[in-house]
C-alpha atoms as a PDB file:
ATOM      1  CA  MET A   1     140.471  95.978 140.866  1.00  0.00           C
ATOM      2  CA  VAL A   2     139.811  92.223 140.997  1.00  0.00           C
ATOM      3  CA  LYS A   3     142.984  90.143 140.953  1.00  0.00           C
ATOM      4  CA  HIS A   4     143.039  86.417 140.242  1.00  0.00           C
ATOM      5  CA  PRO A   5     145.682  83.882 139.141  1.00  0.00           C
ATOM      6  CA  TRP A   6     146.407  83.429 135.429  1.00  0.00           C
ATOM      7  CA  ASN A   7     147.922  79.952 135.624  1.00  0.00           C
ATOM      8  CA  VAL A   8     144.655  78.010 135.786  1.00  0.00           C
ATOM      9  CA  THR A   9     142.856  75.145 134.069  1.00  0.00           C
ATOM     10  CA  ILE A  10     140.153  75.689 131.458  1.00  0.00           C
ATOM     11  CA  ASP A  11     137.416  74.883 133.979  1.00  0.00           C
ATOM     12  CA  GLU A  12     138.937  77.271 136.506  1.00  0.00           C
ATOM     13  CA  ALA A  13     139.159  79.988 133.844  1.00  0.00           C
ATOM     14  CA  CYS A  14     135.448  79.623 133.032  1.00  0.00           C
ATOM     15  CA  THR A  15     134.609  79.796 136.734  1.00  0.00           C
ATOM     16  CA  ILE A  16     136.670  82.978 137.114  1.00  0.00           C
ATOM     17  CA  GLN A  17     134.956  84.581 134.130  1.00  0.00           C
ATOM     18  CA  ASN A  18     131.528  83.768 135.501  1.00  0.00           C
ATOM     19  CA  SER A  19     132.494  85.234 138.894  1.00  0.00           C
ATOM     20  CA  LEU A  20     133.592  88.496 137.248  1.00  0.00           C
ATOM     21  CA  LYS A  21     130.340  88.998 135.325  1.00  0.00           C
ATOM     22  CA  ASP A  22     128.497  90.362 138.364  1.00  0.00           C
ATOM     23  CA  ARG A  23     131.047  93.189 138.587  1.00  0.00           C
ATOM     24  CA  ILE A  24     130.594  94.477 135.032  1.00  0.00           C
ATOM     25  CA  ILE A  25     129.387  98.080 134.774  1.00  0.00           C
ATOM     26  CA  THR A  26     127.727  98.963 131.462  1.00  0.00           C
ATOM     27  CA  TYR A  27     127.237 102.710 131.906  1.00  0.00           C
ATOM     28  CA  ASP A  28     129.703 105.617 131.852  1.00  0.00           C
ATOM     29  CA  ALA A  29     131.453 105.426 135.223  1.00  0.00           C
ATOM     30  CA  PHE A  30     134.336 107.860 134.825  1.00  0.00           C
ATOM     31  CA  ASP A  31     135.190 111.558 134.974  1.00  0.00           C
ATOM     32  CA  ILE A  32     136.562 113.562 132.050  1.00  0.00           C
ATOM     33  CA  ILE A  33     138.525 111.503 129.509  1.00  0.00           C
ATOM     34  CA  LYS A  34     141.889 113.210 129.023  1.00  0.00           C
ATOM     35  CA  HIS A  35     143.999 110.177 128.086  1.00  0.00           C
ATOM     36  CA  VAL A  36     143.023 107.168 125.978  1.00  0.00           C
ATOM     37  CA  GLY A  37     145.193 104.059 125.836  1.00  0.00           C
ATOM     38  CA  GLY A  38     145.402 101.237 123.341  1.00  0.00           C
ATOM     39  CA  ALA A  39     146.587  97.681 124.104  1.00  0.00           C
ATOM     40  CA  ASP A  40     147.623  95.194 121.433  1.00  0.00           C
ATOM     41  CA  VAL A  41     149.567  91.930 121.488  1.00  0.00           C
ATOM     42  CA  ALA A  42     151.829  90.569 118.742  1.00  0.00           C
ATOM     43  CA  TYR A  43     153.110  86.993 118.606  1.00  0.00           C
ATOM     44  CA  GLU A  44     156.312  85.348 117.497  1.00  0.00           C
ATOM     45  CA  VAL A  45     155.930  82.975 114.549  1.00  0.00           C
ATOM     46  CA  SER A  46     156.101  80.017 116.936  1.00  0.00           C
ATOM     47  CA  GLY A  47     153.149  81.378 118.896  1.00  0.00           C
ATOM     48  CA  ASN A  48     154.933  80.586 122.160  1.00  0.00           C
ATOM     49  CA  ARG A  49     156.028  84.121 122.966  1.00  0.00           C
ATOM     50  CA  ALA A  50     154.364  87.503 122.533  1.00  0.00           C
ATOM     51  CA  CYS A  51     154.702  91.201 123.218  1.00  0.00           C
ATOM     52  CA  CYS A  52     152.049  93.568 124.536  1.00  0.00           C
ATOM     53  CA  VAL A  53     152.353  97.279 123.894  1.00  0.00           C
ATOM     54  CA  ILE A  54     150.112  99.875 125.494  1.00  0.00           C
ATOM     55  CA  THR A  55     150.215 103.404 124.142  1.00  0.00           C
ATOM     56  CA  VAL A  56     148.556 106.382 125.827  1.00  0.00           C
ATOM     57  CA  PHE A  57     147.381 109.394 123.811  1.00  0.00           C
ATOM     58  CA  SER A  58     145.938 112.719 124.876  1.00  0.00           C
ATOM     59  CA  TYR A  59     142.234 112.987 124.099  1.00  0.00           C
ATOM     60  CA  PRO A  60     140.841 114.350 121.894  1.00  0.00           C
ATOM     61  CA  SER A  61     144.050 115.896 120.464  1.00  0.00           C
ATOM     62  CA  LEU A  62     145.684 112.458 120.060  1.00  0.00           C
ATOM     63  CA  GLU A  63     149.269 113.269 120.947  1.00  0.00           C
ATOM     64  CA  ILE A  64     151.250 110.334 122.316  1.00  0.00           C
ATOM     65  CA  MET A  65     151.977 110.700 126.028  1.00  0.00           C
ATOM     66  CA  SER A  66     153.260 107.327 127.224  1.00  0.00           C
ATOM     67  CA  CYS A  67     154.159 103.865 126.027  1.00  0.00           C
ATOM     68  CA  SER A  68     154.920 100.591 127.798  1.00  0.00           C
ATOM     69  CA  CYS A  69     155.728  97.104 126.576  1.00  0.00           C
ATOM     70  CA  PHE A  70     156.088  93.679 128.103  1.00  0.00           C
ATOM     71  CA  CYS A  71     157.234  90.526 126.333  1.00  0.00           C
ATOM     72  CA  GLY A  72     156.831  87.049 127.742  1.00  0.00           C
ATOM     73  CA  ASP A  73     155.932  83.420 127.197  1.00  0.00           C
ATOM     74  CA  ILE A  74     152.377  82.396 126.371  1.00  0.00           C
ATOM     75  CA  CYS A  75     151.234  79.928 129.027  1.00  0.00           C
ATOM     76  CA  PHE A  76     147.569  79.367 128.137  1.00  0.00           C
ATOM     77  CA  ALA A  77     146.308  77.454 125.115  1.00  0.00           C
ATOM     78  CA  TYR A  78     144.321  79.090 122.324  1.00  0.00           C
ATOM     79  CA  ILE A  79     140.775  78.505 123.583  1.00  0.00           C
ATOM     80  CA  PRO A  80     137.932  80.439 121.903  1.00  0.00           C
ATOM     81  CA  GLY A  81     136.232  82.630 124.499  1.00  0.00           C
ATOM     82  CA  LEU A  82     139.145  82.512 126.954  1.00  0.00           C
ATOM     83  CA  PHE A  83     141.549  84.863 125.223  1.00  0.00           C
ATOM     84  CA  ALA A  84     141.956  86.954 128.375  1.00  0.00           C
ATOM     85  CA  PHE A  85     143.913  84.124 129.996  1.00  0.00           C
ATOM     86  CA  ARG A  86     146.277  84.024 127.024  1.00  0.00           C
ATOM     87  CA  GLU A  87     147.012  87.744 126.712  1.00  0.00           C
ATOM     88  CA  GLY A  88     145.859  89.116 130.068  1.00  0.00           C
ATOM     89  CA  PRO A  89     149.159  88.521 131.923  1.00  0.00           C
ATOM     90  CA  LEU A  90     151.039  90.538 129.287  1.00  0.00           C
ATOM     91  CA  ILE A  91     148.485  93.367 129.347  1.00  0.00           C
ATOM     92  CA  GLU A  92     148.683  93.505 133.137  1.00  0.00           C
ATOM     93  CA  LYS A  93     152.482  93.851 133.129  1.00  0.00           C
ATOM     94  CA  ALA A  94     152.494  96.439 130.333  1.00  0.00           C
ATOM     95  CA  PHE A  95     149.819  98.448 132.167  1.00  0.00           C
ATOM     96  CA  GLU A  96     151.938  98.463 135.322  1.00  0.00           C
ATOM     97  CA  GLY A  97     154.808 100.006 133.360  1.00  0.00           C
ATOM     98  CA  LEU A  98     152.936 103.081 132.131  1.00  0.00           C
ATOM     99  CA  ASP A  99     154.073 106.547 133.198  1.00  0.00           C
ATOM    100  CA  VAL A 100     150.648 107.980 132.339  1.00  0.00           C
ATOM    101  CA  ILE A 101     147.629 105.901 133.339  1.00  0.00           C
ATOM    102  CA  PRO A 102     144.853 106.150 130.734  1.00  0.00           C
ATOM    103  CA  ASP A 103     141.378 107.276 131.752  1.00  0.00           C
ATOM    104  CA  LEU A 104     140.077 104.704 129.294  1.00  0.00           C
ATOM    105  CA  LEU A 105     141.722 101.751 127.559  1.00  0.00           C
ATOM    106  CA  LEU A 106     140.954 100.397 124.083  1.00  0.00           C
ATOM    107  CA  ILE A 107     141.750  96.704 123.730  1.00  0.00           C
ATOM    108  CA  ASP A 108     142.191  94.769 120.494  1.00  0.00           C
ATOM    109  CA  GLY A 109     139.387  92.280 121.074  1.00  0.00           C
ATOM    110  CA  HIS A 110     135.787  92.002 122.179  1.00  0.00           C
ATOM    111  CA  GLY A 111     133.956  93.034 125.325  1.00  0.00           C
ATOM    112  CA  LEU A 112     130.302  92.198 125.932  1.00  0.00           C
ATOM    113  CA  CYS A 113     130.105  90.900 122.366  1.00  0.00           C
ATOM    114  CA  HIS A 114     131.201  87.434 123.474  1.00  0.00           C
ATOM    115  CA  PRO A 115     129.479  84.042 123.922  1.00  0.00           C
ATOM    116  CA  ARG A 116     129.561  84.434 127.721  1.00  0.00           C
ATOM    117  CA  GLY A 117     129.342  88.216 127.709  1.00  0.00           C
ATOM    118  CA  ILE A 118     132.871  88.760 129.009  1.00  0.00           C
ATOM    119  CA  GLY A 119     135.506  89.066 126.327  1.00  0.00           C
ATOM    120  CA  ILE A 120     139.064  90.209 126.937  1.00  0.00           C
ATOM    121  CA  ALA A 121     138.147  93.920 127.003  1.00  0.00           C
ATOM    122  CA  THR A 122     135.517  93.360 129.679  1.00  0.00           C
ATOM    123  CA  HIS A 123     137.681  90.926 131.630  1.00  0.00           C
ATOM    124  CA  MET A 124     140.663  93.288 131.743  1.00  0.00           C
ATOM    125  CA  GLY A 125     138.454  96.259 132.578  1.00  0.00           C
ATOM    126  CA  VAL A 126     137.188  94.494 135.702  1.00  0.00           C
ATOM    127  CA  PHE A 127     140.628  93.064 136.496  1.00  0.00           C
ATOM    128  CA  LEU A 128     142.391  96.449 136.262  1.00  0.00           C
ATOM    129  CA  ASP A 129     139.380  98.533 137.340  1.00  0.00           C
ATOM    130  CA  VAL A 130     139.716 100.812 134.326  1.00  0.00           C
ATOM    131  CA  PRO A 131     137.099 101.827 131.747  1.00  0.00           C
ATOM    132  CA  THR A 132     137.631  99.668 128.667  1.00  0.00           C
ATOM    133  CA  ILE A 133     136.306  99.312 125.126  1.00  0.00           C
ATOM    134  CA  GLY A 134     136.679  96.303 122.860  1.00  0.00           C
ATOM    135  CA  CYS A 135     137.642  97.211 119.293  1.00  0.00           C
ATOM    136  CA  ALA A 136     138.108  94.152 117.086  1.00  0.00           C
ATOM    137  CA  LYS A 137     138.954  93.751 113.422  1.00  0.00           C
ATOM    138  CA  ASN A 138     136.755  90.670 112.959  1.00  0.00           C
ATOM    139  CA  HIS A 139     133.304  89.477 113.953  1.00  0.00           C
ATOM    140  CA  LEU A 140     133.096  87.009 116.851  1.00  0.00           C
ATOM    141  CA  PHE A 141     129.536  86.672 118.096  1.00  0.00           C
ATOM    142  CA  GLY A 142     126.007  87.894 117.461  1.00  0.00           C
ATOM    143  CA  SER A 143     124.112  88.937 114.354  1.00  0.00           C
ATOM    144  CA  HIS A 144     124.181  92.232 112.480  1.00  0.00           C
ATOM    145  CA  ARG A 145     123.521  93.845 109.145  1.00  0.00           C
ATOM    146  CA  GLU A 146     126.202  95.576 107.095  1.00  0.00           C
ATOM    147  CA  PRO A 147     126.493  99.278 107.945  1.00  0.00           C
ATOM    148  CA  GLY A 148     126.516 101.997 105.292  1.00  0.00           C
ATOM    149  CA  SER A 149     129.712 102.722 103.387  1.00  0.00           C
ATOM    150  CA  LEU A 150     130.514 106.135 104.891  1.00  0.00           C
ATOM    151  CA  ARG A 151     132.551 107.069 107.948  1.00  0.00           C
ATOM    152  CA  GLY A 152     130.309 107.041 111.004  1.00  0.00           C
ATOM    153  CA  ASP A 153     127.785 104.581 109.567  1.00  0.00           C
ATOM    154  CA  ARG A 154     126.979 101.831 112.053  1.00  0.00           C
ATOM    155  CA  ALA A 155     124.788  98.827 112.731  1.00  0.00           C
ATOM    156  CA  CYS A 156     123.941  97.153 116.025  1.00  0.00           C
ATOM    157  CA  ILE A 157     125.104  93.649 116.906  1.00  0.00           C
ATOM    158  CA  TYR A 158     122.379  91.565 118.529  1.00  0.00           C
ATOM    159  CA  SER A 159     122.163  88.406 120.594  1.00  0.00           C
ATOM    160  CA  GLU A 160     118.709  87.147 121.568  1.00  0.00           C
ATOM    161  CA  ARG A 161     117.257  90.581 120.699  1.00  0.00           C
ATOM    162  CA  LYS A 162     119.718  92.303 123.039  1.00  0.00           C
ATOM    163  CA  THR A 163     122.200  94.865 121.702  1.00  0.00           C
ATOM    164  CA  ILE A 164     125.714  93.699 122.567  1.00  0.00           C
ATOM    165  CA  GLY A 165     127.872  95.792 120.247  1.00  0.00           C
ATOM    166  CA  CYS A 166     128.160  97.865 117.107  1.00  0.00           C
ATOM    167  CA  VAL A 167     129.684  97.473 113.653  1.00  0.00           C
ATOM    168  CA  LEU A 168     131.293 100.848 112.927  1.00  0.00           C
ATOM    169  CA  ARG A 169     132.650 102.289 109.689  1.00  0.00           C
ATOM    170  CA  THR A 170     135.624 104.481 110.610  1.00  0.00           C
ATOM    171  CA  ARG A 171     136.620 105.330 107.017  1.00  0.00           C
ATOM    172  CA  ASP A 172     134.624 105.652 103.827  1.00  0.00           C
ATOM    173  CA  ASN A 173     134.445 102.397 101.855  1.00  0.00           C
ATOM    174  CA  ILE A 174     136.803 100.562 104.236  1.00  0.00           C
ATOM    175  CA  LYS A 175     136.014  97.436 106.276  1.00  0.00           C
ATOM    176  CA  PRO A 176     134.291  98.293 109.571  1.00  0.00           C
ATOM    177  CA  VAL A 177     135.499  97.518 113.081  1.00  0.00           C
ATOM    178  CA  PHE A 178     133.517  95.730 115.772  1.00  0.00           C
ATOM    179  CA  ILE A 179     132.939  97.793 118.895  1.00  0.00           C
ATOM    180  CA  SER A 180     131.622  96.495 122.206  1.00  0.00           C
ATOM    181  CA  GLN A 181     131.585  97.745 125.763  1.00  0.00           C
ATOM    182  CA  GLY A 182     134.306  96.509 128.031  1.00  0.00           C
ATOM    183  CA  HIS A 183     133.683  97.886 131.508  1.00  0.00           C
ATOM    184  CA  ARG A 184     132.462 101.211 132.953  1.00  0.00           C
ATOM    185  CA  VAL A 185     131.539 102.558 129.476  1.00  0.00           C
ATOM    186  CA  SER A 186     128.231 102.778 127.602  1.00  0.00           C
ATOM    187  CA  LEU A 187     127.954 101.572 124.012  1.00  0.00           C
ATOM    188  CA  LYS A 188     127.143 105.098 122.820  1.00  0.00           C
ATOM    189  CA  THR A 189     130.327 106.458 124.386  1.00  0.00           C
ATOM    190  CA  SER A 190     132.346 103.496 123.115  1.00  0.00           C
ATOM    191  CA  VAL A 191     131.358 104.270 119.534  1.00  0.00           C
ATOM    192  CA  GLU A 192     131.974 108.002 119.981  1.00  0.00           C
ATOM    193  CA  ILE A 193     135.472 107.529 121.393  1.00  0.00           C
ATOM    194  CA  CYS A 194     136.519 104.979 118.775  1.00  0.00           C
ATOM    195  CA  LEU A 195     135.315 107.270 116.000  1.00  0.00           C
ATOM    196  CA  ASN A 196     137.071 110.299 117.506  1.00  0.00           C
ATOM    197  CA  CYS A 197     140.302 108.296 117.781  1.00  0.00           C
ATOM    198  CA  SER A 198     140.187 107.120 114.150  1.00  0.00           C
ATOM    199  CA  LYS A 199     141.899 109.956 112.329  1.00  0.00           C
ATOM    200  CA  GLY A 200     142.456 108.851 108.743  1.00  0.00           C
ATOM    201  CA  TYR A 201     142.862 105.152 109.518  1.00  0.00           C
ATOM    202  CA  ARG A 202     140.508 102.227 110.060  1.00  0.00           C
ATOM    203  CA  ILE A 203     141.885 101.414 113.522  1.00  0.00           C
ATOM    204  CA  PRO A 204     141.728 103.982 116.370  1.00  0.00           C
ATOM    205  CA  GLU A 205     145.131 105.631 116.730  1.00  0.00           C
ATOM    206  CA  PRO A 206     146.102 104.293 120.205  1.00  0.00           C
ATOM    207  CA  LEU A 207     145.438 100.723 119.011  1.00  0.00           C
ATOM    208  CA  ARG A 208     147.022 101.282 115.608  1.00  0.00           C
ATOM    209  CA  MET A 209     150.255 102.557 117.143  1.00  0.00           C
ATOM    210  CA  ALA A 210     150.294  99.792 119.778  1.00  0.00           C
ATOM    211  CA  HIS A 211     149.962  97.227 116.998  1.00  0.00           C
ATOM    212  CA  ILE A 212     152.797  98.751 114.964  1.00  0.00           C
ATOM    213  CA  LEU A 213     155.156  98.894 117.946  1.00  0.00           C
ATOM    214  CA  ALA A 214     154.304  95.401 119.207  1.00  0.00           C
ATOM    215  CA  ARG A 215     155.002  93.911 115.772  1.00  0.00           C
ATOM    216  CA  ARG A 216     158.267  95.853 115.534  1.00  0.00           C
ATOM    217  CA  ILE A 217     159.443  94.740 118.994  1.00  0.00           C
ATOM    218  CA  ILE A 218     158.543  91.057 118.639  1.00  0.00           C
END
């Protein structure tokens, strides 16, 4: 676990991100995955206040085991590439409120697939010292081809000939999601877990339920 202040300047935030990069682990560094969490943040219309919900499901049976929420003010501006400093404080507080700590946490956002290689999923994985996967609805960084139209079809995301993520089709003929490693998880495992958690919906169930509850609460 690597703690740091959240109330920082943009330059300080970039310095913190760069200092965390040396701690990123890109292979499977965990025991058996029995519980998978999902963290999502919903905003008020004003954009000044938001709510983070983290749900925890049994894996692979996907029965809900725990849920925690935290609502608070947003104290960091919307800066591309520094989303962790906007939503991280809420994720931290919601994580602290869980009755069941997940063995792995899915985060609505990107991980290594990021201009500096440390998106919110990676940042929070290092910060909380928990295996994390970034699962985003939209493309942020890197180049890729369109995957096939069937569930399980995928295509790698590249940056300077390096694989940094995967475009994954979780339902037939439905828009794909963008998967990237957060921390302490390989890309192969990241794709496998996200696919196993997507039972009939585009978004993996822990993230889908966290999104629904966060929107309802806010």
